[in-house]
Amino acid sequence: YCEMKKSQKKLNTGAFAQLSKSVKQEFGFPDDFAVSKNRITYRYRREFPDRKSNPDHVIEIRKLSSEDKRRREHLVNEVVARYLKEKDANPKKLANGSIRRIIEETKKELDIHDFDVPESSIRGRIHRKSHFVTHENGNRDDIDDSVVDTINSWLKSGISVSREQGLALANQTLAGKNLDKDSDGSTITLDAVWWKCFLNRNHHKLNTERLGLS
């Protein structure tokens, strides 16, 4: 993977799958042996922090100003909303390239061109049902007590709680209290940023030794 990244900043479609297949064949691993692309890219970024994986024109999210983060969130949320609208109007599978087309059309109509929106990010949002996300929700604490009580009861019963489970609980609690809509009526989805803030706010109330912090 490192050798491939030296020759091209962005790997061609299917390049990682082909690499994985060739390495498994070379070392005698079965075809169904799982190789996580996320783990490989994480190790690459950790061991080579000075190597940029994005094109030069793409700005890292952590380096964006608060205003730019809001603009990017608005762009991505709008892309997801338009994709879902097209999907509802066309129950059958959308044509290949539909996500990229929607991304480019949305950028043009909103006149926001300075952020990269990977198709994988949109697919991930759809898969997780995170249709509307705002990092401004990270500081909301109106459901903390209820979520803390439930998590502690799970931990007391010997049930480990992952980030995904915690967020599912938080979003269910938000909906149960009718707090899952913003002023425009859009559904609010708490994300990993909220989970991190929640843990920071409530670490003294939780049995963190048994809490999955992944």
Protein backbone atom coordinates (compact mmCIF):
# COMPACT_ATOMS: atom_id res chain seq x y z
CA TYR A 1 0.00 0.00 0.00
CA CYS A 2 2.85 2.38 0.85
CA GLU A 3 4.50 1.71 -2.50
CA MET A 4 1.24 2.42 -4.33
CA LYS A 5 0.75 5.68 -2.42
CA LYS A 6 4.20 6.86 -3.42
CA SER A 7 3.25 6.73 -7.08
CA GLN A 8 -0.26 8.21 -6.81
CA LYS A 9 -1.94 10.36 -4.16
CA LYS A 10 -5.37 8.94 -4.90
CA LEU A 11 -5.63 5.26 -5.69
CA ASN A 12 -7.60 4.20 -8.72
CA THR A 13 -10.99 2.56 -8.22
CA GLY A 14 -10.49 -1.08 -7.29
CA ALA A 15 -6.76 -0.66 -6.63
CA PHE A 16 -6.99 -1.63 -2.95
CA ALA A 17 -9.14 -4.69 -3.72
CA GLN A 18 -6.61 -5.83 -6.31
CA LEU A 19 -3.74 -5.23 -3.89
CA SER A 20 -5.50 -7.20 -1.17
CA LYS A 21 -6.17 -10.09 -3.55
CA SER A 22 -2.56 -10.28 -4.77
CA VAL A 23 -1.11 -10.20 -1.24
CA LYS A 24 -3.46 -12.97 -0.05
CA GLN A 25 -2.45 -15.10 -3.04
CA GLU A 26 1.25 -14.47 -2.44
CA PHE A 27 1.13 -15.46 1.23
CA GLY A 28 -1.44 -18.23 0.91
CA PHE A 29 -4.35 -16.61 2.73
CA PRO A 30 -7.88 -17.74 1.76
CA ASP A 31 -9.91 -15.46 -0.52
CA ASP A 32 -12.46 -14.78 2.23
CA PHE A 33 -9.78 -13.58 4.66
CA ALA A 34 -10.92 -10.10 5.67
CA VAL A 35 -8.61 -7.14 5.07
CA SER A 36 -9.90 -3.83 6.43
CA LYS A 37 -9.08 -0.87 4.22
CA ASN A 38 -9.84 1.47 7.14
CA ARG A 39 -7.20 -0.23 9.30
CA ILE A 40 -4.60 -0.05 6.54
CA THR A 41 -5.22 3.63 5.80
CA TYR A 42 -5.23 4.43 9.54
CA ARG A 43 -1.82 2.80 9.99
CA TYR A 44 -0.53 4.60 6.92
CA ARG A 45 -1.61 8.01 8.22
CA ARG A 46 -0.20 7.23 11.68
CA GLU A 47 3.20 6.09 10.40
CA PHE A 48 3.50 8.73 7.66
CA PRO A 49 1.81 11.85 9.12
CA ASP A 50 3.79 14.11 6.79
CA ARG A 51 2.31 12.54 3.66
CA LYS A 52 -0.90 14.13 2.49
CA SER A 53 -3.45 11.66 1.15
CA ASN A 54 -5.72 14.33 -0.27
CA PRO A 55 -5.06 16.49 -3.33
CA ASP A 56 -3.36 19.82 -2.63
CA HIS A 57 -6.60 21.79 -3.11
CA VAL A 58 -8.45 19.81 -0.43
CA ILE A 59 -8.38 21.37 3.05
CA GLU A 60 -8.41 19.05 6.07
CA ILE A 61 -11.61 19.40 8.11
CA ARG A 62 -9.74 19.94 11.38
CA LYS A 63 -8.06 23.01 9.85
CA LEU A 64 -11.32 24.65 8.79
CA SER A 65 -12.71 27.69 10.56
CA SER A 66 -16.04 27.35 12.41
CA GLU A 67 -17.83 29.13 9.58
CA ASP A 68 -16.27 26.86 6.93
CA LYS A 69 -17.22 23.79 8.95
CA ARG A 70 -20.83 24.99 8.96
CA ARG A 71 -20.71 25.61 5.19
CA ARG A 72 -19.30 22.14 4.57
CA GLU A 73 -21.94 20.55 6.82
CA HIS A 74 -24.64 22.41 4.91
CA LEU A 75 -23.22 21.17 1.60
CA VAL A 76 -23.01 17.52 2.68
CA ASN A 77 -26.43 17.57 4.34
CA GLU A 78 -27.92 19.02 1.16
CA VAL A 79 -26.27 16.35 -1.01
CA VAL A 80 -27.70 13.61 1.22
CA ALA A 81 -31.16 15.22 1.15
CA ARG A 82 -31.15 15.47 -2.66
CA TYR A 83 -29.94 11.89 -3.02
CA LEU A 84 -32.75 10.62 -0.77
CA LYS A 85 -35.29 12.68 -2.73
CA GLU A 86 -34.13 11.14 -6.02
CA LYS A 87 -34.08 7.69 -4.45
CA ASP A 88 -37.68 8.08 -3.26
CA ALA A 89 -38.75 9.22 -6.73
CA ASN A 90 -36.92 6.29 -8.35
CA PRO A 91 -37.37 3.16 -6.19
CA LYS A 92 -35.17 1.18 -8.56
CA LYS A 93 -31.39 1.50 -8.41
CA LEU A 94 -30.16 4.92 -9.51
CA ALA A 95 -27.88 5.10 -12.52
CA ASN A 96 -24.13 4.74 -12.01
CA GLY A 97 -22.53 8.09 -11.26
CA SER A 98 -25.69 9.54 -9.68
CA ILE A 99 -23.99 10.43 -6.40
CA ARG A 100 -21.14 12.26 -8.14
CA ARG A 101 -23.64 14.10 -10.34
CA ILE A 102 -25.68 15.17 -7.31
CA ILE A 103 -22.54 16.34 -5.52
CA GLU A 104 -21.44 18.50 -8.44
CA GLU A 105 -24.94 19.90 -9.04
CA THR A 106 -25.29 20.79 -5.36
CA LYS A 107 -21.89 22.48 -5.26
CA LYS A 108 -22.84 24.57 -8.28
CA GLU A 109 -26.28 25.57 -6.99
CA LEU A 110 -25.00 26.44 -3.52
CA ASP A 111 -21.86 28.06 -4.97
CA ILE A 112 -19.68 26.05 -2.59
CA HIS A 113 -16.67 24.67 -4.45
CA ASP A 114 -13.85 24.67 -1.89
CA PHE A 115 -14.64 21.36 -0.15
CA ASP A 116 -14.14 17.80 -1.32
CA VAL A 117 -17.19 15.56 -0.84
CA PRO A 118 -16.19 11.91 -1.31
CA GLU A 119 -18.91 9.61 -2.61
CA SER A 120 -17.97 7.20 0.18
CA SER A 121 -18.98 9.84 2.76
CA ILE A 122 -22.44 10.11 1.24
CA ARG A 123 -22.83 6.32 1.08
CA GLY A 124 -21.70 6.09 4.70
CA ARG A 125 -24.26 8.67 5.79
CA ILE A 126 -27.02 6.78 3.99
CA HIS A 127 -25.93 3.43 5.44
CA ARG A 128 -25.80 4.84 9.01
CA LYS A 129 -29.07 6.72 8.44
CA SER A 130 -27.24 9.91 9.44
CA HIS A 131 -29.28 12.01 7.06
CA PHE A 132 -28.78 15.33 8.83
CA VAL A 133 -25.68 15.98 10.92
CA THR A 134 -24.49 19.10 12.69
CA HIS A 135 -21.46 19.25 14.95
CA GLU A 136 -23.08 22.11 16.82
CA ASN A 137 -25.06 19.41 18.64
CA GLY A 138 -21.89 18.25 20.38
CA ASN A 139 -22.55 20.56 23.32
CA ARG A 140 -26.20 19.66 23.88
CA ASP A 141 -26.63 17.91 27.20
CA ASP A 142 -30.42 17.72 27.56
CA ILE A 143 -30.46 13.92 27.33
CA ASP A 144 -27.24 13.21 29.25
CA ASP A 145 -28.85 12.03 32.50
CA SER A 146 -31.16 9.56 30.76
CA VAL A 147 -28.38 8.16 28.57
CA VAL A 148 -25.98 7.89 31.53
CA ASP A 149 -28.56 5.94 33.58
CA THR A 150 -29.21 3.47 30.75
CA ILE A 151 -25.52 2.95 29.96
CA ASN A 152 -24.68 2.38 33.61
CA SER A 153 -27.45 -0.20 33.89
CA TRP A 154 -26.01 -1.99 30.85
CA LEU A 155 -22.50 -1.88 32.26
CA LYS A 156 -23.73 -3.17 35.61
CA SER A 157 -25.23 -6.14 33.76
CA GLY A 158 -21.88 -6.85 32.12
CA ILE A 159 -22.81 -5.41 28.73
CA SER A 160 -20.04 -3.47 27.01
CA VAL A 161 -21.14 -0.33 25.19
CA SER A 162 -19.50 0.72 21.93
CA ARG A 163 -19.69 4.16 20.35
CA GLU A 164 -22.22 2.86 17.82
CA GLN A 165 -24.44 1.45 20.58
CA GLY A 166 -24.15 4.64 22.60
CA LEU A 167 -25.10 6.81 19.64
CA ALA A 168 -28.04 4.55 18.77
CA LEU A 169 -29.27 4.91 22.35
CA ALA A 170 -28.73 8.69 22.31
CA ASN A 171 -30.63 9.20 19.05
CA GLN A 172 -33.47 6.95 20.26
CA THR A 173 -33.64 8.98 23.48
CA LEU A 174 -33.62 12.22 21.50
CA ALA A 175 -36.54 11.01 19.38
CA GLY A 176 -38.40 9.67 22.44
CA LYS A 177 -38.28 13.12 24.01
CA ASN A 178 -39.34 14.77 20.72
CA LEU A 179 -36.05 16.65 20.56
CA ASP A 180 -34.89 15.23 17.23
CA LYS A 181 -36.05 18.07 14.98
CA ASP A 182 -34.41 21.42 14.33
CA SER A 183 -36.23 24.70 13.73
CA ASP A 184 -36.71 23.77 10.05
CA GLY A 185 -38.19 20.38 10.86
CA SER A 186 -35.10 18.45 9.73
CA THR A 187 -34.12 15.36 11.72
CA ILE A 188 -31.12 15.83 14.01
CA THR A 189 -28.66 12.94 14.22
CA LEU A 190 -26.08 12.95 17.00
CA ASP A 191 -22.68 11.80 15.74
CA ALA A 192 -19.21 10.83 16.94
CA VAL A 193 -18.45 14.41 17.97
CA TRP A 194 -21.45 14.42 20.31
CA TRP A 195 -20.36 11.04 21.75
CA LYS A 196 -16.88 12.37 22.50
CA CYS A 197 -18.32 15.47 24.18
CA PHE A 198 -20.79 13.31 26.11
CA LEU A 199 -17.96 11.14 27.48
CA ASN A 200 -15.96 14.22 28.46
CA ARG A 201 -18.97 15.70 30.27
CA ASN A 202 -19.93 12.52 32.08
CA HIS A 203 -16.72 10.51 32.56
CA HIS A 204 -17.05 10.89 36.34
CA LYS A 205 -20.53 9.31 36.24
CA LEU A 206 -19.68 6.35 34.01
CA ASN A 207 -17.78 3.13 34.66
CA THR A 208 -15.24 3.95 31.95
CA GLU A 209 -13.17 0.80 32.62
CA ARG A 210 -16.00 -1.26 31.15
CA LEU A 211 -17.16 1.26 28.59
CA GLY A 212 -16.08 0.69 24.99
CA LEU A 213 -14.55 3.99 23.88
CA SER A 214 -14.12 2.99 20.22
